[in-house]
């Protein structure tokens, strides 16, 4: 049982700790967002209203290289709803570290893929709204090229331009064995 005096001491301690804790979270997020490619909209998001660099405004460009050496575009917009690819996609887009880009590239390589009627690669599980007769299965890619872009205001031309903030090439297993 605490006395009235003990409760007061605890309350004073909490009054001091809570603001310090919130300030340290805000400071940590600001430092990480300004020294890495973490979007200010993530990681507690204290800077989210100060920039147009939100994770939903970032673009991810993916190209797969086939066994024949052909480079085909991958429809990255389809990744958002893909069960196995959605998580790595969102993480790589929000904070495109080499590890996260590698994880996304490996997930694309491991995913069953098809080429649609426009010669664009999509996950096979996304065939719901595509005519299966207009697609062909794709062997696992030998390479996946990934780029993450953010929008930047070019003050000279007063236009919004994409800027590459991270890129990575992930190579598949050439033997095809897992």
N, C-alpha and C. Protein backbone atom coordinates (compact mmCIF):
# COMPACT_ATOMS: atom_id res chain seq x y z
N UNK A 1 0.84 -1.17 0.00
CA UNK A 1 0.00 0.00 0.00
C UNK A 1 0.89 1.24 0.00
N UNK A 2 0.58 2.15 -0.89
CA UNK A 2 1.39 3.36 -0.93
C UNK A 2 0.67 4.48 -0.19
N UNK A 3 1.48 5.34 0.33
CA UNK A 3 0.90 6.48 1.03
C UNK A 3 0.59 7.57 0.03
N UNK A 4 -0.09 8.57 0.50
CA UNK A 4 -0.39 9.70 -0.36
C UNK A 4 0.88 10.33 -0.91
N UNK A 5 1.91 10.34 -0.06
CA UNK A 5 3.18 10.92 -0.48
C UNK A 5 3.84 10.07 -1.57
N UNK A 6 3.74 8.72 -1.48
CA UNK A 6 4.32 7.84 -2.49
C UNK A 6 3.63 7.99 -3.84
N UNK A 7 2.32 8.14 -3.81
CA UNK A 7 1.58 8.32 -5.06
C UNK A 7 1.97 9.64 -5.71
N UNK A 8 2.21 10.67 -4.95
CA UNK A 8 2.60 11.96 -5.49
C UNK A 8 3.96 11.87 -6.16
N UNK A 9 4.87 11.15 -5.53
CA UNK A 9 6.20 10.98 -6.10
C UNK A 9 6.11 10.24 -7.43
N UNK A 10 5.29 9.18 -7.49
CA UNK A 10 5.11 8.43 -8.73
C UNK A 10 4.49 9.32 -9.81
N UNK A 11 3.50 10.11 -9.44
CA UNK A 11 2.85 11.00 -10.41
C UNK A 11 3.84 12.02 -10.96
N UNK A 12 4.68 12.56 -10.11
CA UNK A 12 5.70 13.51 -10.58
C UNK A 12 6.68 12.83 -11.53
N UNK A 13 7.03 11.62 -11.23
CA UNK A 13 7.95 10.87 -12.08
C UNK A 13 7.31 10.64 -13.46
N UNK A 14 6.03 10.25 -13.46
CA UNK A 14 5.34 10.04 -14.74
C UNK A 14 5.20 11.32 -15.54
N UNK A 15 4.94 12.42 -14.87
CA UNK A 15 4.82 13.71 -15.55
C UNK A 15 6.13 14.07 -16.26
N UNK A 16 7.25 13.69 -15.69
CA UNK A 16 8.54 13.98 -16.30
C UNK A 16 8.90 12.98 -17.40
N UNK A 17 8.54 11.71 -17.22
CA UNK A 17 8.96 10.67 -18.15
C UNK A 17 8.18 10.70 -19.47
N UNK A 18 6.89 10.92 -19.41
CA UNK A 18 6.06 10.87 -20.62
C UNK A 18 6.51 11.90 -21.66
N UNK A 19 6.70 13.18 -21.34
CA UNK A 19 7.17 14.12 -22.37
C UNK A 19 8.56 13.78 -22.91
N UNK A 20 9.44 13.30 -22.02
CA UNK A 20 10.78 12.92 -22.47
C UNK A 20 10.69 11.74 -23.44
N UNK A 21 9.84 10.78 -23.14
CA UNK A 21 9.66 9.62 -24.02
C UNK A 21 9.11 10.05 -25.38
N UNK A 22 8.08 10.88 -25.39
CA UNK A 22 7.52 11.36 -26.66
C UNK A 22 8.52 12.17 -27.46
N UNK A 23 9.29 13.02 -26.80
CA UNK A 23 10.30 13.82 -27.49
C UNK A 23 11.38 12.93 -28.08
N UNK A 24 11.77 11.87 -27.36
CA UNK A 24 12.82 10.97 -27.89
C UNK A 24 12.30 10.18 -29.09
N UNK A 25 11.04 9.77 -29.08
CA UNK A 25 10.46 9.08 -30.25
C UNK A 25 10.45 10.01 -31.44
N UNK A 26 10.01 11.25 -31.25
CA UNK A 26 9.96 12.23 -32.34
C UNK A 26 11.36 12.51 -32.88
N UNK A 27 12.31 12.71 -32.00
CA UNK A 27 13.68 13.00 -32.42
C UNK A 27 14.28 11.82 -33.18
N UNK A 28 14.07 10.61 -32.68
CA UNK A 28 14.58 9.42 -33.36
C UNK A 28 14.00 9.30 -34.76
N UNK A 29 12.70 9.50 -34.90
CA UNK A 29 12.06 9.40 -36.22
C UNK A 29 12.60 10.47 -37.16
N UNK A 30 12.78 11.68 -36.67
CA UNK A 30 13.29 12.76 -37.53
C UNK A 30 14.71 12.47 -37.99
N UNK A 31 15.54 11.96 -37.11
CA UNK A 31 16.92 11.64 -37.47
C UNK A 31 16.94 10.50 -38.50
N UNK A 32 16.18 9.44 -38.25
CA UNK A 32 16.17 8.31 -39.18
C UNK A 32 15.61 8.73 -40.53
N UNK A 33 14.54 9.51 -40.55
CA UNK A 33 13.94 9.93 -41.82
C UNK A 33 14.84 10.88 -42.59
N UNK A 34 15.67 11.66 -41.89
CA UNK A 34 16.54 12.60 -42.60
C UNK A 34 17.89 12.00 -42.97
N UNK A 35 18.28 10.90 -42.36
CA UNK A 35 19.58 10.30 -42.67
C UNK A 35 19.47 9.02 -43.49
N UNK A 36 18.25 8.50 -43.66
CA UNK A 36 18.03 7.33 -44.50
C UNK A 36 16.87 7.64 -45.44
N UNK A 37 16.44 6.68 -46.19
CA UNK A 37 15.35 6.88 -47.14
C UNK A 37 13.98 6.52 -46.56
N UNK A 38 13.87 6.45 -45.23
CA UNK A 38 12.58 6.21 -44.59
C UNK A 38 11.67 7.38 -44.89
N UNK A 39 10.48 7.11 -45.38
CA UNK A 39 9.53 8.18 -45.61
C UNK A 39 9.10 8.77 -44.28
N UNK A 40 8.98 10.11 -44.21
CA UNK A 40 8.55 10.73 -42.95
C UNK A 40 7.16 10.30 -42.52
N UNK A 41 6.42 9.63 -43.38
CA UNK A 41 5.07 9.17 -43.04
C UNK A 41 5.13 7.86 -42.25
N UNK A 42 6.28 7.27 -42.10
CA UNK A 42 6.44 6.03 -41.34
C UNK A 42 7.33 6.26 -40.13
N UNK A 43 7.37 5.29 -39.26
CA UNK A 43 8.26 5.37 -38.10
C UNK A 43 7.82 6.41 -37.10
N UNK A 44 6.56 6.46 -36.78
CA UNK A 44 5.91 7.39 -35.86
C UNK A 44 5.45 8.64 -36.58
N UNK A 45 5.96 8.90 -37.79
CA UNK A 45 5.42 9.89 -38.69
C UNK A 45 5.30 11.32 -38.19
N UNK A 46 6.21 11.79 -37.36
CA UNK A 46 6.11 13.15 -36.87
C UNK A 46 6.33 14.19 -37.97
N UNK A 47 6.97 13.81 -39.08
CA UNK A 47 7.21 14.75 -40.17
C UNK A 47 6.27 14.58 -41.33
N UNK A 48 5.20 13.84 -41.15
CA UNK A 48 4.35 13.46 -42.27
C UNK A 48 3.68 14.63 -42.98
N UNK A 49 3.42 15.72 -42.31
CA UNK A 49 2.74 16.82 -42.97
C UNK A 49 3.71 17.84 -43.55
N UNK A 50 5.00 17.58 -43.44
CA UNK A 50 5.99 18.53 -43.92
C UNK A 50 6.55 18.15 -45.28
N UNK A 51 6.07 17.08 -45.89
CA UNK A 51 6.64 16.62 -47.15
C UNK A 51 5.59 15.92 -47.99
N UNK A 52 5.86 15.85 -49.29
CA UNK A 52 4.99 15.07 -50.16
C UNK A 52 5.57 13.68 -50.38
N UNK A 53 6.59 13.32 -49.62
CA UNK A 53 7.23 12.01 -49.75
C UNK A 53 6.52 10.97 -48.91
N UNK A 54 5.25 10.79 -49.15
CA UNK A 54 4.50 9.74 -48.47
C UNK A 54 4.72 8.41 -49.18
N UNK A 55 4.59 7.33 -48.45
CA UNK A 55 4.86 6.02 -49.05
C UNK A 55 3.91 5.70 -50.20
N UNK A 56 2.67 6.22 -50.16
CA UNK A 56 1.75 5.98 -51.26
C UNK A 56 2.12 6.75 -52.52
N UNK A 57 2.93 7.77 -52.38
CA UNK A 57 3.37 8.54 -53.54
C UNK A 57 4.69 8.04 -54.11
N UNK A 58 5.29 7.07 -53.48
CA UNK A 58 6.53 6.50 -54.00
C UNK A 58 6.21 5.45 -55.05
N UNK A 59 7.05 5.40 -56.05
CA UNK A 59 6.88 4.41 -57.10
C UNK A 59 7.94 3.33 -57.02
N UNK A 60 7.56 2.13 -57.38
CA UNK A 60 8.51 1.02 -57.43
C UNK A 60 8.50 0.50 -58.85
N UNK A 61 9.66 0.52 -59.49
CA UNK A 61 9.79 0.00 -60.85
C UNK A 61 10.51 -1.34 -60.76
N UNK A 62 9.88 -2.35 -61.35
CA UNK A 62 10.46 -3.69 -61.31
C UNK A 62 10.54 -4.22 -62.73
N UNK A 63 11.68 -4.77 -63.08
CA UNK A 63 11.86 -5.45 -64.35
C UNK A 63 12.45 -6.82 -64.06
N UNK A 64 11.96 -7.82 -64.79
CA UNK A 64 12.49 -9.17 -64.63
C UNK A 64 13.26 -9.54 -65.89
N UNK A 65 14.35 -10.26 -65.71
CA UNK A 65 15.16 -10.75 -66.82
C UNK A 65 14.94 -12.24 -66.92
N UNK A 66 14.51 -12.69 -68.10
CA UNK A 66 14.21 -14.10 -68.31
C UNK A 66 15.48 -14.88 -68.64
N UNK A 67 15.32 -16.21 -68.70
CA UNK A 67 16.44 -17.08 -69.08
C UNK A 67 16.98 -16.73 -70.46
N UNK A 68 16.10 -16.24 -71.36
CA UNK A 68 16.50 -15.89 -72.72
C UNK A 68 17.20 -14.53 -72.79
N UNK A 69 17.26 -13.82 -71.69
CA UNK A 69 17.89 -12.51 -71.67
C UNK A 69 16.93 -11.37 -71.94
N UNK A 70 15.65 -11.67 -72.11
CA UNK A 70 14.66 -10.61 -72.33
C UNK A 70 14.38 -9.90 -71.01
N UNK A 71 14.22 -8.58 -71.09
CA UNK A 71 13.85 -7.79 -69.92
C UNK A 71 12.39 -7.39 -70.08
N UNK A 72 11.57 -7.80 -69.11
CA UNK A 72 10.13 -7.53 -69.16
C UNK A 72 9.73 -6.67 -67.97
N UNK A 73 8.81 -5.72 -68.20
CA UNK A 73 8.31 -4.92 -67.07
C UNK A 73 7.40 -5.76 -66.19
N UNK A 74 7.41 -5.45 -64.92
CA UNK A 74 6.57 -6.12 -63.93
C UNK A 74 5.56 -5.11 -63.44
N UNK A 75 4.31 -5.47 -63.37
CA UNK A 75 3.26 -4.56 -62.90
C UNK A 75 3.30 -4.49 -61.38
N UNK A 76 4.07 -3.53 -60.87
CA UNK A 76 4.26 -3.40 -59.41
C UNK A 76 2.98 -3.01 -58.69
N UNK A 77 2.04 -2.38 -59.38
CA UNK A 77 0.77 -2.01 -58.73
C UNK A 77 0.03 -3.25 -58.25
N UNK A 78 0.27 -4.38 -58.89
CA UNK A 78 -0.41 -5.62 -58.50
C UNK A 78 0.14 -6.19 -57.19
N UNK A 79 1.28 -5.72 -56.74
CA UNK A 79 1.90 -6.28 -55.54
C UNK A 79 1.17 -5.91 -54.26
N UNK A 80 0.52 -4.79 -54.27
CA UNK A 80 -0.14 -4.33 -53.06
C UNK A 80 -1.15 -5.34 -52.52
N UNK A 81 -1.90 -5.97 -53.41
CA UNK A 81 -2.91 -6.92 -52.96
C UNK A 81 -2.44 -8.37 -52.98
N UNK A 82 -1.20 -8.61 -53.37
CA UNK A 82 -0.69 -9.98 -53.44
C UNK A 82 -0.32 -10.45 -52.03
N UNK A 83 -0.88 -11.58 -51.59
CA UNK A 83 -0.63 -12.03 -50.21
C UNK A 83 0.84 -12.21 -49.86
N UNK A 84 1.61 -12.85 -50.71
CA UNK A 84 3.01 -13.12 -50.36
C UNK A 84 3.94 -11.96 -50.72
N UNK A 85 3.55 -11.12 -51.65
CA UNK A 85 4.42 -10.04 -52.10
C UNK A 85 4.06 -8.68 -51.50
N UNK A 86 2.85 -8.55 -50.97
CA UNK A 86 2.38 -7.27 -50.45
C UNK A 86 3.24 -6.72 -49.33
N UNK A 87 3.58 -7.55 -48.36
CA UNK A 87 4.40 -7.09 -47.22
C UNK A 87 5.77 -6.61 -47.64
N UNK A 88 6.54 -7.43 -48.37
CA UNK A 88 7.86 -6.96 -48.82
C UNK A 88 7.78 -5.72 -49.71
N UNK A 89 6.72 -5.61 -50.51
CA UNK A 89 6.55 -4.44 -51.38
C UNK A 89 6.35 -3.17 -50.55
N UNK A 90 5.44 -3.21 -49.59
CA UNK A 90 5.15 -2.03 -48.77
C UNK A 90 6.38 -1.64 -47.95
N UNK A 91 7.09 -2.61 -47.41
CA UNK A 91 8.27 -2.32 -46.61
C UNK A 91 9.39 -1.71 -47.46
N UNK A 92 9.60 -2.26 -48.66
CA UNK A 92 10.65 -1.74 -49.54
C UNK A 92 10.32 -0.33 -50.02
N UNK A 93 9.05 -0.07 -50.24
CA UNK A 93 8.64 1.25 -50.71
C UNK A 93 8.76 2.29 -49.59
N UNK A 94 8.40 1.94 -48.38
CA UNK A 94 8.45 2.88 -47.26
C UNK A 94 9.87 3.16 -46.79
N UNK A 95 10.72 2.15 -46.78
CA UNK A 95 12.09 2.31 -46.32
C UNK A 95 12.98 1.39 -47.17
N UNK A 96 13.40 1.86 -48.35
CA UNK A 96 14.11 0.99 -49.29
C UNK A 96 15.57 0.75 -48.94
N UNK A 97 15.78 -0.06 -47.93
CA UNK A 97 17.14 -0.45 -47.57
C UNK A 97 17.57 -1.58 -48.50
N UNK A 98 18.87 -1.84 -48.64
CA UNK A 98 19.31 -2.96 -49.47
C UNK A 98 18.67 -4.29 -49.06
N UNK A 99 18.54 -4.52 -47.76
CA UNK A 99 17.94 -5.76 -47.28
C UNK A 99 16.49 -5.88 -47.70
N UNK A 100 15.73 -4.80 -47.58
CA UNK A 100 14.31 -4.85 -47.96
C UNK A 100 14.14 -5.01 -49.47
N UNK A 101 14.98 -4.35 -50.26
CA UNK A 101 14.92 -4.52 -51.71
C UNK A 101 15.30 -5.95 -52.10
N UNK A 102 16.29 -6.49 -51.43
CA UNK A 102 16.71 -7.87 -51.68
C UNK A 102 15.56 -8.83 -51.36
N UNK A 103 14.90 -8.60 -50.25
CA UNK A 103 13.76 -9.44 -49.84
C UNK A 103 12.63 -9.38 -50.87
N UNK A 104 12.34 -8.19 -51.38
CA UNK A 104 11.30 -8.05 -52.40
C UNK A 104 11.72 -8.74 -53.69
N UNK A 105 12.96 -8.56 -54.11
CA UNK A 105 13.44 -9.22 -55.32
C UNK A 105 13.38 -10.74 -55.22
N UNK A 106 13.78 -11.26 -54.07
CA UNK A 106 13.71 -12.72 -53.86
C UNK A 106 12.27 -13.21 -53.87
N UNK A 107 11.37 -12.42 -53.30
CA UNK A 107 9.96 -12.80 -53.29
C UNK A 107 9.40 -12.84 -54.71
N UNK A 108 9.80 -11.88 -55.55
CA UNK A 108 9.36 -11.88 -56.95
C UNK A 108 9.90 -13.11 -57.67
N UNK A 109 11.16 -13.45 -57.43
CA UNK A 109 11.76 -14.62 -58.08
C UNK A 109 11.05 -15.89 -57.65
N UNK A 110 10.68 -15.99 -56.39
CA UNK A 110 10.04 -17.20 -55.87
C UNK A 110 8.57 -17.31 -56.22
N UNK A 111 7.95 -16.22 -56.66
CA UNK A 111 6.52 -16.19 -56.95
C UNK A 111 6.23 -16.76 -58.34
N UNK A 112 5.21 -17.60 -58.49
CA UNK A 112 4.80 -18.02 -59.84
C UNK A 112 4.32 -16.79 -60.62
N UNK A 113 4.89 -16.60 -61.80
CA UNK A 113 4.61 -15.42 -62.60
C UNK A 113 4.04 -15.81 -63.95
N UNK A 114 3.31 -14.86 -64.54
CA UNK A 114 2.81 -15.03 -65.90
C UNK A 114 3.05 -13.73 -66.66
N UNK A 115 3.05 -13.86 -68.00
CA UNK A 115 3.16 -12.69 -68.86
C UNK A 115 1.78 -12.48 -69.48
N UNK A 116 1.23 -11.26 -69.30
CA UNK A 116 -0.12 -11.02 -69.82
C UNK A 116 -0.08 -10.61 -71.30
N UNK A 117 -1.24 -10.26 -71.82
CA UNK A 117 -1.37 -9.94 -73.24
C UNK A 117 -0.59 -8.70 -73.65
N UNK A 118 -0.20 -7.86 -72.69
CA UNK A 118 0.57 -6.65 -72.97
C UNK A 118 2.07 -6.85 -72.76
N UNK A 119 2.50 -8.12 -72.61
CA UNK A 119 3.89 -8.46 -72.31
C UNK A 119 4.38 -7.83 -71.01
N UNK A 120 3.48 -7.80 -70.03
CA UNK A 120 3.81 -7.31 -68.69
C UNK A 120 3.70 -8.48 -67.74
N UNK A 121 4.68 -8.61 -66.86
CA UNK A 121 4.70 -9.71 -65.90
C UNK A 121 3.81 -9.37 -64.71
N UNK A 122 3.01 -10.36 -64.28
CA UNK A 122 2.15 -10.21 -63.11
C UNK A 122 2.24 -11.50 -62.29
N UNK A 123 1.93 -11.43 -60.99
CA UNK A 123 1.86 -12.66 -60.20
C UNK A 123 0.74 -13.55 -60.73
N UNK A 124 0.98 -14.85 -60.81
CA UNK A 124 -0.02 -15.79 -61.35
C UNK A 124 -1.31 -15.75 -60.54
N UNK A 125 -1.22 -15.49 -59.25
CA UNK A 125 -2.43 -15.45 -58.41
C UNK A 125 -3.32 -14.26 -58.75
N UNK A 126 -2.82 -13.33 -59.52
CA UNK A 126 -3.59 -12.14 -59.89
C UNK A 126 -4.34 -12.34 -61.22
N UNK A 127 -4.48 -13.58 -61.66
CA UNK A 127 -5.16 -13.87 -62.92
C UNK A 127 -6.67 -13.71 -62.84
N UNK A 128 -7.18 -13.27 -61.74
CA UNK A 128 -8.62 -13.16 -61.53
C UNK A 128 -9.26 -12.28 -62.60
N UNK A 129 -8.64 -11.14 -62.90
CA UNK A 129 -9.23 -10.23 -63.86
C UNK A 129 -8.51 -10.23 -65.21
N UNK A 130 -7.74 -11.28 -65.48
CA UNK A 130 -7.04 -11.41 -66.75
C UNK A 130 -7.47 -12.73 -67.38
N UNK A 131 -7.73 -12.71 -68.68
CA UNK A 131 -8.11 -13.93 -69.39
C UNK A 131 -6.93 -14.89 -69.39
N UNK A 132 -7.07 -16.09 -68.78
CA UNK A 132 -5.95 -17.03 -68.70
C UNK A 132 -5.41 -17.44 -70.06
N UNK A 133 -6.21 -17.38 -71.11
CA UNK A 133 -5.73 -17.75 -72.45
C UNK A 133 -4.82 -16.69 -73.04
N UNK A 134 -4.83 -15.50 -72.47
CA UNK A 134 -3.98 -14.43 -72.97
C UNK A 134 -2.68 -14.31 -72.18
N UNK A 135 -2.41 -15.29 -71.33
CA UNK A 135 -1.20 -15.26 -70.52
C UNK A 135 -0.37 -16.49 -70.78
N UNK A 136 0.90 -16.40 -70.44
CA UNK A 136 1.76 -17.57 -70.52
C UNK A 136 2.61 -17.63 -69.26
N UNK A 137 2.82 -18.85 -68.73
CA UNK A 137 3.64 -18.97 -67.52
C UNK A 137 5.07 -18.51 -67.81
N UNK A 138 5.70 -17.98 -66.80
CA UNK A 138 7.07 -17.50 -66.94
C UNK A 138 7.96 -18.31 -66.01
N UNK A 139 9.08 -18.79 -66.55
CA UNK A 139 10.06 -19.47 -65.70
C UNK A 139 10.60 -18.46 -64.69
N UNK A 140 11.06 -18.93 -63.54
CA UNK A 140 11.60 -17.98 -62.55
C UNK A 140 12.66 -17.07 -63.20
N UNK A 141 12.57 -15.78 -62.95
CA UNK A 141 13.53 -14.85 -63.55
C UNK A 141 14.96 -15.13 -63.08
N UNK A 142 15.92 -14.80 -63.93
CA UNK A 142 17.32 -14.94 -63.53
C UNK A 142 17.80 -13.70 -62.79
N UNK A 143 17.12 -12.57 -63.05
CA UNK A 143 17.42 -11.32 -62.35
C UNK A 143 16.16 -10.50 -62.19
N UNK A 144 16.14 -9.71 -61.14
CA UNK A 144 15.07 -8.75 -60.93
C UNK A 144 15.73 -7.41 -60.63
N UNK A 145 15.38 -6.39 -61.43
CA UNK A 145 15.88 -5.03 -61.21
C UNK A 145 14.80 -4.24 -60.50
N UNK A 146 15.17 -3.59 -59.39
CA UNK A 146 14.22 -2.82 -58.60
C UNK A 146 14.70 -1.39 -58.46
N UNK A 147 13.78 -0.45 -58.58
CA UNK A 147 14.06 0.96 -58.33
C UNK A 147 12.91 1.54 -57.52
N UNK A 148 13.25 2.36 -56.54
CA UNK A 148 12.24 3.07 -55.77
C UNK A 148 12.43 4.55 -56.07
N UNK A 149 11.32 5.22 -56.42
CA UNK A 149 11.32 6.63 -56.76
C UNK A 149 10.49 7.41 -55.75
N UNK A 150 10.88 8.62 -55.51
CA UNK A 150 10.04 9.54 -54.76
C UNK A 150 9.83 10.77 -55.62
N UNK A 151 8.80 11.52 -55.31
CA UNK A 151 8.52 12.74 -56.05
C UNK A 151 9.27 13.91 -55.40
N UNK A 152 9.82 14.74 -56.26
CA UNK A 152 10.58 15.90 -55.79
C UNK A 152 10.15 17.11 -56.60
N UNK A 153 10.02 18.24 -55.96
CA UNK A 153 9.67 19.47 -56.64
C UNK A 153 10.93 20.10 -57.21
N UNK A 154 10.97 20.24 -58.54
CA UNK A 154 12.07 20.94 -59.19
C UNK A 154 11.70 22.41 -59.22
N UNK A 155 12.34 23.19 -58.38
CA UNK A 155 11.96 24.60 -58.24
C UNK A 155 12.26 25.41 -59.50
N UNK A 156 13.27 25.02 -60.26
CA UNK A 156 13.60 25.77 -61.48
C UNK A 156 12.48 25.66 -62.52
N UNK A 157 12.00 24.44 -62.75
CA UNK A 157 10.95 24.25 -63.76
C UNK A 157 9.55 24.25 -63.15
N UNK A 158 9.50 24.30 -61.83
CA UNK A 158 8.23 24.27 -61.10
C UNK A 158 7.38 23.05 -61.48
N UNK A 159 8.05 21.92 -61.59
CA UNK A 159 7.36 20.66 -61.88
C UNK A 159 7.76 19.62 -60.85
N UNK A 160 6.93 18.62 -60.74
CA UNK A 160 7.22 17.50 -59.86
C UNK A 160 7.88 16.42 -60.71
N UNK A 161 9.04 15.96 -60.28
CA UNK A 161 9.80 14.98 -61.04
C UNK A 161 10.12 13.78 -60.16
N UNK A 162 10.15 12.58 -60.77
CA UNK A 162 10.55 11.41 -59.98
C UNK A 162 12.07 11.40 -59.77
N UNK A 163 12.47 10.93 -58.61
CA UNK A 163 13.88 10.85 -58.26
C UNK A 163 14.16 9.43 -57.73
N UNK A 164 15.15 8.76 -58.32
CA UNK A 164 15.51 7.42 -57.84
C UNK A 164 16.22 7.58 -56.50
N UNK A 165 15.67 6.87 -55.48
CA UNK A 165 16.29 6.95 -54.15
C UNK A 165 16.96 5.65 -53.75
N UNK A 166 16.62 4.56 -54.45
CA UNK A 166 17.26 3.28 -54.15
C UNK A 166 17.08 2.36 -55.35
N UNK A 167 18.08 1.54 -55.58
CA UNK A 167 17.95 0.53 -56.63
C UNK A 167 18.79 -0.68 -56.27
N UNK A 168 18.39 -1.80 -56.83
CA UNK A 168 19.04 -3.07 -56.50
C UNK A 168 18.75 -4.07 -57.59
N UNK A 169 19.71 -4.91 -57.89
CA UNK A 169 19.52 -6.04 -58.79
C UNK A 169 19.67 -7.31 -57.96
N UNK A 170 18.66 -8.16 -58.04
CA UNK A 170 18.67 -9.42 -57.30
C UNK A 170 18.77 -10.53 -58.32
N UNK A 171 19.71 -11.42 -58.11
CA UNK A 171 19.92 -12.53 -59.02
C UNK A 171 19.28 -13.80 -58.47
N UNK A 172 18.64 -14.53 -59.37
CA UNK A 172 18.02 -15.79 -58.99
C UNK A 172 19.04 -16.91 -58.98
N UNK A 173 18.61 -18.07 -58.56
CA UNK A 173 19.45 -19.26 -58.54
C UNK A 173 19.58 -19.78 -59.96
N UNK A 174 20.77 -19.73 -60.57
CA UNK A 174 20.93 -20.15 -61.96
C UNK A 174 20.65 -21.64 -62.18
N UNK A 175 20.75 -22.44 -61.13
CA UNK A 175 20.51 -23.88 -61.29
C UNK A 175 19.03 -24.20 -61.21
N UNK A 176 18.24 -23.21 -60.69
CA UNK A 176 16.81 -23.43 -60.55
C UNK A 176 16.44 -24.33 -59.38
N UNK A 177 17.40 -24.64 -58.52
CA UNK A 177 17.12 -25.52 -57.39
C UNK A 177 16.94 -24.69 -56.12
N UNK A 178 15.67 -24.33 -55.86
CA UNK A 178 15.26 -23.68 -54.66
C UNK A 178 16.04 -22.53 -54.27
